[in-house]
Amino acid sequence: QSHSMIHTCCTPAADRGTLMAAAKASGARIVRLDVEVHGIVIPTPRG
């Protein structure tokens, strides 16, 4: 499998696509990538 070093938060979109294609081309079926909780859950005045 592929440890891609893709960061959902901040890897440029073009690089994400290129690296995903590379992982697939290697024959991997699973790609490991970062999903940053603090980039998805955003504080607001009400929660």
All heavy atoms as atom14 arrays in JSON, in Angstrom:
{
  "sequence": "QSHSMIHTCCTPAADRGTLMAAAKASGARIVRLDVEVHGIVIPTPRG",
  "atom14_mask": [
    [1, 1, 1, 1, 1, 1, 1, 1, 1, 0, 0, 0, 0, 0],
    [1, 1, 1, 1, 1, 1, 0, 0, 0, 0, 0, 0, 0, 0],
    [1, 1, 1, 1, 1, 1, 1, 1, 1, 1, 0, 0, 0, 0],
    [1, 1, 1, 1, 1, 1, 0, 0, 0, 0, 0, 0, 0, 0],
    [1, 1, 1, 1, 1, 1, 1, 1, 0, 0, 0, 0, 0, 0],
    [1, 1, 1, 1, 1, 1, 1, 1, 0, 0, 0, 0, 0, 0],
    [1, 1, 1, 1, 1, 1, 1, 1, 1, 1, 0, 0, 0, 0],
    [1, 1, 1, 1, 1, 1, 1, 0, 0, 0, 0, 0, 0, 0],
    [1, 1, 1, 1, 1, 1, 0, 0, 0, 0, 0, 0, 0, 0],
    [1, 1, 1, 1, 1, 1, 0, 0, 0, 0, 0, 0, 0, 0],
    [1, 1, 1, 1, 1, 1, 1, 0, 0, 0, 0, 0, 0, 0],
    [1, 1, 1, 1, 1, 1, 1, 0, 0, 0, 0, 0, 0, 0],
    [1, 1, 1, 1, 1, 0, 0, 0, 0, 0, 0, 0, 0, 0],
    [1, 1, 1, 1, 1, 0, 0, 0, 0, 0, 0, 0, 0, 0],
    [1, 1, 1, 1, 1, 1, 1, 1, 0, 0, 0, 0, 0, 0],
    [1, 1, 1, 1, 1, 1, 1, 1, 1, 1, 1, 0, 0, 0],
    [1, 1, 1, 1, 0, 0, 0, 0, 0, 0, 0, 0, 0, 0],
    [1, 1, 1, 1, 1, 1, 1, 0, 0, 0, 0, 0, 0, 0],
    [1, 1, 1, 1, 1, 1, 1, 1, 0, 0, 0, 0, 0, 0],
    [1, 1, 1, 1, 1, 1, 1, 1, 0, 0, 0, 0, 0, 0],
    [1, 1, 1, 1, 1, 0, 0, 0, 0, 0, 0, 0, 0, 0],
    [1, 1, 1, 1, 1, 0, 0, 0, 0, 0, 0, 0, 0, 0],
    [1, 1, 1, 1, 1, 0, 0, 0, 0, 0, 0, 0, 0, 0],
    [1, 1, 1, 1, 1, 1, 1, 1, 1, 0, 0, 0, 0, 0],
    [1, 1, 1, 1, 1, 0, 0, 0, 0, 0, 0, 0, 0, 0],
    [1, 1, 1, 1, 1, 1, 0, 0, 0, 0, 0, 0, 0, 0],
    [1, 1, 1, 1, 0, 0, 0, 0, 0, 0, 0, 0, 0, 0],
    [1, 1, 1, 1, 1, 0, 0, 0, 0, 0, 0, 0, 0, 0],
    [1, 1, 1, 1, 1, 1, 1, 1, 1, 1, 1, 0, 0, 0],
    [1, 1, 1, 1, 1, 1, 1, 1, 0, 0, 0, 0, 0, 0],
    [1, 1, 1, 1, 1, 1, 1, 0, 0, 0, 0, 0, 0, 0],
    [1, 1, 1, 1, 1, 1, 1, 1, 1, 1, 1, 0, 0, 0],
    [1, 1, 1, 1, 1, 1, 1, 1, 0, 0, 0, 0, 0, 0],
    [1, 1, 1, 1, 1, 1, 1, 1, 0, 0, 0, 0, 0, 0],
    [1, 1, 1, 1, 1, 1, 1, 0, 0, 0, 0, 0, 0, 0],
    [1, 1, 1, 1, 1, 1, 1, 1, 1, 0, 0, 0, 0, 0],
    [1, 1, 1, 1, 1, 1, 1, 0, 0, 0, 0, 0, 0, 0],
    [1, 1, 1, 1, 1, 1, 1, 1, 1, 1, 0, 0, 0, 0],
    [1, 1, 1, 1, 0, 0, 0, 0, 0, 0, 0, 0, 0, 0],
    [1, 1, 1, 1, 1, 1, 1, 1, 0, 0, 0, 0, 0, 0],
    [1, 1, 1, 1, 1, 1, 1, 0, 0, 0, 0, 0, 0, 0],
    [1, 1, 1, 1, 1, 1, 1, 1, 0, 0, 0, 0, 0, 0],
    [1, 1, 1, 1, 1, 1, 1, 0, 0, 0, 0, 0, 0, 0],
    [1, 1, 1, 1, 1, 1, 1, 0, 0, 0, 0, 0, 0, 0],
    [1, 1, 1, 1, 1, 1, 1, 0, 0, 0, 0, 0, 0, 0],
    [1, 1, 1, 1, 1, 1, 1, 1, 1, 1, 1, 0, 0, 0],
    [1, 1, 1, 1, 0, 0, 0, 0, 0, 0, 0, 0, 0, 0]
  ],
  "atom14_positions": [
    [[0.83, -1.2, 0.0], [0.0, 0.0, 0.0], [0.87, 1.26, 0.0], [2.1, 1.18, 0.08], [-0.94, -0.03, 1.2], [-1.69, -1.34, 1.41], [-2.65, -1.7, 0.29], [-2.79, -0.99, -0.71], [-3.33, -2.83, 0.44], [0.0, 0.0, 0.0], [0.0, 0.0, 0.0], [0.0, 0.0, 0.0], [0.0, 0.0, 0.0], [0.0, 0.0, 0.0]],
    [[0.21, 2.41, -0.08], [0.92, 3.67, -0.33], [0.75, 4.66, 0.81], [-0.37, 5.09, 1.12], [0.41, 4.29, -1.63], [1.19, 5.4, -1.99], [0.0, 0.0, 0.0], [0.0, 0.0, 0.0], [0.0, 0.0, 0.0], [0.0, 0.0, 0.0], [0.0, 0.0, 0.0], [0.0, 0.0, 0.0], [0.0, 0.0, 0.0], [0.0, 0.0, 0.0]],
    [[1.86, 5.01, 1.45], [1.91, 6.12, 2.42], [2.22, 7.37, 1.61], [3.36, 7.64, 1.25], [2.99, 5.83, 3.47], [3.35, 7.0, 4.32], [2.41, 7.82, 4.91], [4.56, 7.5, 4.69], [3.02, 8.76, 5.61], [4.32, 8.59, 5.49], [0.0, 0.0, 0.0], [0.0, 0.0, 0.0], [0.0, 0.0, 0.0], [0.0, 0.0, 0.0]],
    [[1.17, 8.15, 1.31], [1.27, 9.15, 0.24], [1.85, 10.48, 0.66], [2.32, 11.24, -0.19], [-0.13, 9.4, -0.35], [-0.95, 10.07, 0.61], [0.0, 0.0, 0.0], [0.0, 0.0, 0.0], [0.0, 0.0, 0.0], [0.0, 0.0, 0.0], [0.0, 0.0, 0.0], [0.0, 0.0, 0.0], [0.0, 0.0, 0.0], [0.0, 0.0, 0.0]],
    [[1.77, 10.82, 1.94], [2.13, 12.16, 2.41], [1.23, 13.23, 1.8], [1.65, 14.37, 1.58], [3.61, 12.47, 2.13], [4.58, 11.53, 2.8], [4.55, 11.64, 4.6], [5.36, 13.21, 4.87], [0.0, 0.0, 0.0], [0.0, 0.0, 0.0], [0.0, 0.0, 0.0], [0.0, 0.0, 0.0], [0.0, 0.0, 0.0], [0.0, 0.0, 0.0]],
    [[-0.02, 12.86, 1.5], [-1.04, 13.84, 1.1], [-1.69, 14.37, 2.37], [-2.13, 13.61, 3.22], [-2.11, 13.2, 0.2], [-1.51, 12.77, -1.14], [-3.27, 14.17, -0.03], [-2.48, 11.98, -2.02], [0.0, 0.0, 0.0], [0.0, 0.0, 0.0], [0.0, 0.0, 0.0], [0.0, 0.0, 0.0], [0.0, 0.0, 0.0], [0.0, 0.0, 0.0]],
    [[-1.76, 15.7, 2.49], [-2.45, 16.34, 3.6], [-3.72, 16.97, 3.07], [-3.67, 17.87, 2.21], [-1.55, 17.4, 4.25], [-0.3, 16.83, 4.86], [-0.24, 16.44, 6.18], [0.91, 16.56, 4.33], [0.98, 15.97, 6.44], [1.69, 16.03, 5.33], [0.0, 0.0, 0.0], [0.0, 0.0, 0.0], [0.0, 0.0, 0.0], [0.0, 0.0, 0.0]],
    [[-4.87, 16.52, 3.56], [-6.14, 17.03, 3.07], [-6.22, 18.54, 3.19], [-6.74, 19.22, 2.31], [-7.3, 16.37, 3.84], [-7.22, 14.96, 3.67], [-8.64, 16.85, 3.33], [0.0, 0.0, 0.0], [0.0, 0.0, 0.0], [0.0, 0.0, 0.0], [0.0, 0.0, 0.0], [0.0, 0.0, 0.0], [0.0, 0.0, 0.0], [0.0, 0.0, 0.0]],
    [[-5.67, 19.05, 4.29], [-5.77, 20.49, 4.55], [-5.01, 21.34, 3.56], [-5.47, 22.4, 3.15], [-5.25, 20.81, 5.94], [-3.46, 20.59, 6.11], [0.0, 0.0, 0.0], [0.0, 0.0, 0.0], [0.0, 0.0, 0.0], [0.0, 0.0, 0.0], [0.0, 0.0, 0.0], [0.0, 0.0, 0.0], [0.0, 0.0, 0.0], [0.0, 0.0, 0.0]],
    [[-3.84, 20.89, 3.14], [-2.94, 21.87, 2.54], [-2.05, 21.37, 1.41], [-1.2, 22.13, 0.95], [-2.06, 22.5, 3.63], [-1.52, 21.34, 4.89], [0.0, 0.0, 0.0], [0.0, 0.0, 0.0], [0.0, 0.0, 0.0], [0.0, 0.0, 0.0], [0.0, 0.0, 0.0], [0.0, 0.0, 0.0], [0.0, 0.0, 0.0], [0.0, 0.0, 0.0]],
    [[-2.2, 20.13, 0.97], [-1.5, 19.72, -0.25], [-2.25, 20.3, -1.44], [-3.47, 20.13, -1.54], [-1.45, 18.18, -0.37], [-0.78, 17.65, 0.78], [-0.73, 17.75, -1.63], [0.0, 0.0, 0.0], [0.0, 0.0, 0.0], [0.0, 0.0, 0.0], [0.0, 0.0, 0.0], [0.0, 0.0, 0.0], [0.0, 0.0, 0.0], [0.0, 0.0, 0.0]],
    [[-1.56, 21.02, -2.33], [-2.27, 21.62, -3.47], [-3.07, 20.58, -4.25], [-2.67, 19.42, -4.37], [-1.13, 22.2, -4.32], [-0.02, 22.45, -3.34], [-0.13, 21.35, -2.33], [0.0, 0.0, 0.0], [0.0, 0.0, 0.0], [0.0, 0.0, 0.0], [0.0, 0.0, 0.0], [0.0, 0.0, 0.0], [0.0, 0.0, 0.0], [0.0, 0.0, 0.0]],
    [[-4.2, 21.01, -4.77], [-5.12, 20.09, -5.45], [-4.43, 19.36, -6.6], [-4.64, 18.16, -6.8], [-6.33, 20.85, -5.96], [0.0, 0.0, 0.0], [0.0, 0.0, 0.0], [0.0, 0.0, 0.0], [0.0, 0.0, 0.0], [0.0, 0.0, 0.0], [0.0, 0.0, 0.0], [0.0, 0.0, 0.0], [0.0, 0.0, 0.0], [0.0, 0.0, 0.0]],
    [[-3.6, 20.06, -7.36], [-2.91, 19.42, -8.49], [-1.99, 18.31, -8.0], [-1.92, 17.23, -8.6], [-2.13, 20.45, -9.29], [0.0, 0.0, 0.0], [0.0, 0.0, 0.0], [0.0, 0.0, 0.0], [0.0, 0.0, 0.0], [0.0, 0.0, 0.0], [0.0, 0.0, 0.0], [0.0, 0.0, 0.0], [0.0, 0.0, 0.0], [0.0, 0.0, 0.0]],
    [[-1.28, 18.57, -6.88], [-0.39, 17.55, -6.33], [-1.18, 16.36, -5.77], [-0.76, 15.21, -5.89], [0.5, 18.13, -5.23], [1.63, 18.98, -5.78], [1.82, 18.98, -7.02], [2.31, 19.65, -4.99], [0.0, 0.0, 0.0], [0.0, 0.0, 0.0], [0.0, 0.0, 0.0], [0.0, 0.0, 0.0], [0.0, 0.0, 0.0], [0.0, 0.0, 0.0]],
    [[-2.32, 16.64, -5.16], [-3.15, 15.54, -4.65], [-3.54, 14.59, -5.78], [-3.44, 13.37, -5.65], [-4.41, 16.08, -3.97], [-4.19, 16.78, -2.66], [-5.45, 16.79, -1.81], [-6.57, 17.39, -2.47], [-6.97, 18.66, -2.32], [-6.28, 19.46, -1.53], [-8.03, 19.12, -2.94], [0.0, 0.0, 0.0], [0.0, 0.0, 0.0], [0.0, 0.0, 0.0]],
    [[-3.97, 15.16, -6.89], [-4.37, 14.33, -8.02], [-3.21, 13.54, -8.59], [-3.34, 12.35, -8.91], [0.0, 0.0, 0.0], [0.0, 0.0, 0.0], [0.0, 0.0, 0.0], [0.0, 0.0, 0.0], [0.0, 0.0, 0.0], [0.0, 0.0, 0.0], [0.0, 0.0, 0.0], [0.0, 0.0, 0.0], [0.0, 0.0, 0.0], [0.0, 0.0, 0.0]],
    [[-2.07, 14.2, -8.71], [-0.9, 13.53, -9.26], [-0.43, 12.4, -8.36], [-0.1, 11.3, -8.84], [0.24, 14.55, -9.46], [-0.22, 15.6, -10.3], [1.46, 13.91, -10.1], [0.0, 0.0, 0.0], [0.0, 0.0, 0.0], [0.0, 0.0, 0.0], [0.0, 0.0, 0.0], [0.0, 0.0, 0.0], [0.0, 0.0, 0.0], [0.0, 0.0, 0.0]],
    [[-0.42, 12.64, -7.06], [0.03, 11.62, -6.12], [-0.97, 10.47, -6.01], [-0.57, 9.31, -5.86], [0.28, 12.25, -4.75], [1.47, 13.2, -4.69], [1.44, 14.04, -3.43], [2.79, 12.44, -4.8], [0.0, 0.0, 0.0], [0.0, 0.0, 0.0], [0.0, 0.0, 0.0], [0.0, 0.0, 0.0], [0.0, 0.0, 0.0], [0.0, 0.0, 0.0]],
    [[-2.25, 10.77, -6.08], [-3.24, 9.69, -6.07], [-3.07, 8.8, -7.3], [-3.16, 7.57, -7.21], [-4.65, 10.27, -6.03], [-5.73, 9.28, -5.66], [-5.73, 8.85, -3.89], [-6.49, 10.33, -3.18], [0.0, 0.0, 0.0], [0.0, 0.0, 0.0], [0.0, 0.0, 0.0], [0.0, 0.0, 0.0], [0.0, 0.0, 0.0], [0.0, 0.0, 0.0]],
    [[-2.81, 9.43, -8.44], [-2.56, 8.65, -9.66], [-1.32, 7.79, -9.52], [-1.27, 6.65, -9.99], [-2.42, 9.59, -10.86], [0.0, 0.0, 0.0], [0.0, 0.0, 0.0], [0.0, 0.0, 0.0], [0.0, 0.0, 0.0], [0.0, 0.0, 0.0], [0.0, 0.0, 0.0], [0.0, 0.0, 0.0], [0.0, 0.0, 0.0], [0.0, 0.0, 0.0]],
    [[-0.3, 8.33, -8.84], [0.93, 7.56, -8.64], [0.69, 6.37, -7.73], [1.17, 5.27, -7.98], [2.02, 8.45, -8.05], [0.0, 0.0, 0.0], [0.0, 0.0, 0.0], [0.0, 0.0, 0.0], [0.0, 0.0, 0.0], [0.0, 0.0, 0.0], [0.0, 0.0, 0.0], [0.0, 0.0, 0.0], [0.0, 0.0, 0.0], [0.0, 0.0, 0.0]],
    [[-0.08, 6.58, -6.64], [-0.39, 5.47, -5.74], [-1.12, 4.37, -6.5], [-0.82, 3.18, -6.35], [-1.23, 5.97, -4.58], [0.0, 0.0, 0.0], [0.0, 0.0, 0.0], [0.0, 0.0, 0.0], [0.0, 0.0, 0.0], [0.0, 0.0, 0.0], [0.0, 0.0, 0.0], [0.0, 0.0, 0.0], [0.0, 0.0, 0.0], [0.0, 0.0, 0.0]],
    [[-2.1, 4.76, -7.32], [-2.83, 3.78, -8.11], [-1.91, 3.07, -9.1], [-1.98, 1.85, -9.27], [-3.97, 4.47, -8.86], [-4.78, 3.57, -9.77], [-5.56, 2.53, -8.97], [-6.48, 1.73, -9.88], [-7.26, 0.73, -9.11], [0.0, 0.0, 0.0], [0.0, 0.0, 0.0], [0.0, 0.0, 0.0], [0.0, 0.0, 0.0], [0.0, 0.0, 0.0]],
    [[-1.03, 3.82, -9.74], [-0.11, 3.23, -10.72], [0.85, 2.25, -10.07], [1.3, 1.29, -10.73], [0.69, 4.34, -11.42], [0.0, 0.0, 0.0], [0.0, 0.0, 0.0], [0.0, 0.0, 0.0], [0.0, 0.0, 0.0], [0.0, 0.0, 0.0], [0.0, 0.0, 0.0], [0.0, 0.0, 0.0], [0.0, 0.0, 0.0], [0.0, 0.0, 0.0]],
    [[1.15, 2.44, -8.79], [2.04, 1.5, -8.1], [1.37, 0.15, -7.86], [2.03, -0.83, -7.53], [2.5, 2.08, -6.76], [1.47, 1.99, -5.79], [0.0, 0.0, 0.0], [0.0, 0.0, 0.0], [0.0, 0.0, 0.0], [0.0, 0.0, 0.0], [0.0, 0.0, 0.0], [0.0, 0.0, 0.0], [0.0, 0.0, 0.0], [0.0, 0.0, 0.0]],
    [[0.04, 0.1, -8.0], [-0.71, -1.11, -7.71], [-1.31, -1.14, -6.33], [-1.97, -2.1, -5.96], [0.0, 0.0, 0.0], [0.0, 0.0, 0.0], [0.0, 0.0, 0.0], [0.0, 0.0, 0.0], [0.0, 0.0, 0.0], [0.0, 0.0, 0.0], [0.0, 0.0, 0.0], [0.0, 0.0, 0.0], [0.0, 0.0, 0.0], [0.0, 0.0, 0.0]],
    [[-1.1, -0.07, -5.55], [-1.7, -0.01, -4.21], [-3.22, 0.03, -4.32], [-3.78, 0.57, -5.27], [-1.2, 1.23, -3.47], [0.0, 0.0, 0.0], [0.0, 0.0, 0.0], [0.0, 0.0, 0.0], [0.0, 0.0, 0.0], [0.0, 0.0, 0.0], [0.0, 0.0, 0.0], [0.0, 0.0, 0.0], [0.0, 0.0, 0.0], [0.0, 0.0, 0.0]],
    [[-3.87, -0.53, -3.32], [-5.32, -0.45, -3.23], [-5.78, 0.49, -2.12], [-6.95, 0.84, -2.06], [-5.91, -1.84, -3.01], [-5.75, -2.72, -4.24], [-6.47, -4.03, -4.09], [-6.39, -4.8, -5.31], [-6.9, -6.03, -5.45], [-7.52, -6.59, -4.43], [-6.8, -6.67, -6.58], [0.0, 0.0, 0.0], [0.0, 0.0, 0.0], [0.0, 0.0, 0.0]],
    [[-4.87, 0.84, -1.23], [-5.2, 1.77, -0.15], [-4.12, 2.86, -0.13], [-2.92, 2.55, -0.19], [-5.24, 1.08, 1.23], [-6.12, -0.16, 1.2], [-5.74, 2.06, 2.29], [-6.05, -0.99, 2.48], [0.0, 0.0, 0.0], [0.0, 0.0, 0.0], [0.0, 0.0, 0.0], [0.0, 0.0, 0.0], [0.0, 0.0, 0.0], [0.0, 0.0, 0.0]],
    [[-4.55, 4.11, -0.02], [-3.61, 5.21, 0.11], [-3.81, 5.84, 1.48], [-4.94, 6.11, 1.91], [-3.79, 6.25, -1.02], [-5.19, 6.84, -1.02], [-2.76, 7.36, -0.92], [0.0, 0.0, 0.0], [0.0, 0.0, 0.0], [0.0, 0.0, 0.0], [0.0, 0.0, 0.0], [0.0, 0.0, 0.0], [0.0, 0.0, 0.0], [0.0, 0.0, 0.0]],
    [[-2.72, 6.02, 2.21], [-2.77, 6.62, 3.54], [-2.56, 8.12, 3.41], [-1.57, 8.58, 2.82], [-1.69, 6.01, 4.43], [-1.62, 6.58, 5.85], [-0.51, 5.88, 6.62], [-0.47, 6.25, 8.02], [0.48, 7.04, 8.56], [1.45, 7.53, 7.81], [0.45, 7.32, 9.85], [0.0, 0.0, 0.0], [0.0, 0.0, 0.0], [0.0, 0.0, 0.0]],
    [[-3.47, 8.91, 3.99], [-3.35, 10.36, 3.9], [-3.94, 11.01, 5.15], [-4.68, 10.38, 5.91], [-4.02, 10.9, 2.63], [-5.47, 10.51, 2.35], [-6.44, 11.38, 3.13], [-5.77, 10.61, 0.86], [0.0, 0.0, 0.0], [0.0, 0.0, 0.0], [0.0, 0.0, 0.0], [0.0, 0.0, 0.0], [0.0, 0.0, 0.0], [0.0, 0.0, 0.0]],
    [[-3.59, 12.26, 5.36], [-3.98, 12.99, 6.57], [-5.35, 13.64, 6.41], [-5.61, 14.29, 5.39], [-2.94, 14.05, 6.91], [-1.65, 13.46, 7.43], [-0.82, 13.01, 6.62], [-1.48, 13.43, 8.65], [0.0, 0.0, 0.0], [0.0, 0.0, 0.0], [0.0, 0.0, 0.0], [0.0, 0.0, 0.0], [0.0, 0.0, 0.0], [0.0, 0.0, 0.0]],
    [[-6.19, 13.48, 7.42], [-7.47, 14.18, 7.5], [-7.45, 14.96, 8.81], [-7.66, 14.4, 9.88], [-8.66, 13.19, 7.47], [-9.98, 13.94, 7.59], [-8.63, 12.36, 6.18], [0.0, 0.0, 0.0], [0.0, 0.0, 0.0], [0.0, 0.0, 0.0], [0.0, 0.0, 0.0], [0.0, 0.0, 0.0], [0.0, 0.0, 0.0], [0.0, 0.0, 0.0]],
    [[-7.17, 16.25, 8.73], [-6.95, 17.06, 9.92], [-8.29, 17.46, 10.54], [-9.06, 18.22, 9.94], [-6.13, 18.31, 9.57], [-4.71, 18.01, 9.11], [-4.6, 17.61, 7.63], [-5.65, 17.59, 6.94], [-3.49, 17.34, 7.17], [0.0, 0.0, 0.0], [0.0, 0.0, 0.0], [0.0, 0.0, 0.0], [0.0, 0.0, 0.0], [0.0, 0.0, 0.0]],
    [[-8.53, 16.96, 11.75], [-9.8, 17.24, 12.43], [-9.96, 18.74, 12.65], [-11.04, 19.31, 12.45], [-9.88, 16.48, 13.77], [-11.14, 16.84, 14.54], [-9.82, 14.97, 13.52], [0.0, 0.0, 0.0], [0.0, 0.0, 0.0], [0.0, 0.0, 0.0], [0.0, 0.0, 0.0], [0.0, 0.0, 0.0], [0.0, 0.0, 0.0], [0.0, 0.0, 0.0]],
    [[-8.87, 19.41, 13.04], [-8.95, 20.84, 13.34], [-9.13, 21.7, 12.1], [-9.43, 22.9, 12.22], [-7.71, 21.3, 14.12], [-6.41, 20.97, 13.45], [-6.0, 19.67, 13.23], [-5.42, 21.76, 12.95], [-4.81, 19.68, 12.64], [-4.45, 20.92, 12.46], [0.0, 0.0, 0.0], [0.0, 0.0, 0.0], [0.0, 0.0, 0.0], [0.0, 0.0, 0.0]],
    [[-8.96, 21.1, 10.92], [-9.25, 21.82, 9.69], [-10.68, 21.64, 9.22], [-11.14, 22.37, 8.32], [0.0, 0.0, 0.0], [0.0, 0.0, 0.0], [0.0, 0.0, 0.0], [0.0, 0.0, 0.0], [0.0, 0.0, 0.0], [0.0, 0.0, 0.0], [0.0, 0.0, 0.0], [0.0, 0.0, 0.0], [0.0, 0.0, 0.0], [0.0, 0.0, 0.0]],
    [[-11.38, 20.69, 9.81], [-12.77, 20.41, 9.42], [-13.76, 20.96, 10.44], [-14.82, 21.48, 10.07], [-12.97, 18.88, 9.26], [-12.14, 18.36, 8.09], [-14.44, 18.53, 9.09], [-12.16, 16.85, 7.93], [0.0, 0.0, 0.0], [0.0, 0.0, 0.0], [0.0, 0.0, 0.0], [0.0, 0.0, 0.0], [0.0, 0.0, 0.0], [0.0, 0.0, 0.0]],
    [[-13.42, 20.86, 11.73], [-14.31, 21.31, 12.81], [-13.9, 22.74, 13.16], [-12.83, 22.97, 13.75], [-14.22, 20.38, 14.03], [-15.2, 20.83, 15.1], [-14.5, 18.94, 13.62], [0.0, 0.0, 0.0], [0.0, 0.0, 0.0], [0.0, 0.0, 0.0], [0.0, 0.0, 0.0], [0.0, 0.0, 0.0], [0.0, 0.0, 0.0], [0.0, 0.0, 0.0]],
    [[-14.73, 23.71, 12.79], [-14.38, 25.12, 12.86], [-15.19, 25.81, 13.96], [-16.42, 25.71, 13.98], [-14.68, 25.82, 11.51], [-14.12, 24.99, 10.33], [-14.14, 27.24, 11.5], [-12.64, 24.81, 10.34], [0.0, 0.0, 0.0], [0.0, 0.0, 0.0], [0.0, 0.0, 0.0], [0.0, 0.0, 0.0], [0.0, 0.0, 0.0], [0.0, 0.0, 0.0]],
    [[-14.51, 26.53, 14.89], [-15.27, 27.22, 15.94], [-16.07, 28.4, 15.39], [-15.65, 29.08, 14.46], [-14.17, 27.69, 16.9], [-12.93, 27.77, 16.06], [-13.06, 26.7, 15.02], [0.0, 0.0, 0.0], [0.0, 0.0, 0.0], [0.0, 0.0, 0.0], [0.0, 0.0, 0.0], [0.0, 0.0, 0.0], [0.0, 0.0, 0.0], [0.0, 0.0, 0.0]],
    [[-17.23, 28.61, 15.98], [-18.09, 29.76, 15.66], [-18.55, 30.37, 16.98], [-18.39, 29.76, 18.04], [-19.32, 29.34, 14.84], [-20.22, 28.62, 15.71], [-18.94, 28.46, 13.66], [0.0, 0.0, 0.0], [0.0, 0.0, 0.0], [0.0, 0.0, 0.0], [0.0, 0.0, 0.0], [0.0, 0.0, 0.0], [0.0, 0.0, 0.0], [0.0, 0.0, 0.0]],
    [[-19.14, 31.56, 16.95], [-19.64, 32.15, 18.21], [-20.66, 31.28, 18.92], [-20.84, 31.38, 20.14], [-20.25, 33.48, 17.75], [-19.5, 33.82, 16.49], [-19.22, 32.51, 15.83], [0.0, 0.0, 0.0], [0.0, 0.0, 0.0], [0.0, 0.0, 0.0], [0.0, 0.0, 0.0], [0.0, 0.0, 0.0], [0.0, 0.0, 0.0], [0.0, 0.0, 0.0]],
    [[-21.35, 30.4, 18.18], [-22.4, 29.57, 18.78], [-22.01, 28.1, 18.93], [-22.85, 27.27, 19.23], [-23.67, 29.68, 17.94], [-24.26, 31.07, 17.92], [-25.58, 31.1, 17.18], [-26.19, 32.42, 17.22], [-27.37, 32.72, 16.68], [-28.07, 31.76, 16.09], [-27.84, 33.95, 16.75], [0.0, 0.0, 0.0], [0.0, 0.0, 0.0], [0.0, 0.0, 0.0]],
    [[-20.76, 27.79, 18.69], [-20.34, 26.4, 18.79], [-19.35, 26.03, 17.7], [-18.3, 26.68, 17.56], [0.0, 0.0, 0.0], [0.0, 0.0, 0.0], [0.0, 0.0, 0.0], [0.0, 0.0, 0.0], [0.0, 0.0, 0.0], [0.0, 0.0, 0.0], [0.0, 0.0, 0.0], [0.0, 0.0, 0.0], [0.0, 0.0, 0.0], [0.0, 0.0, 0.0]]
  ]
}
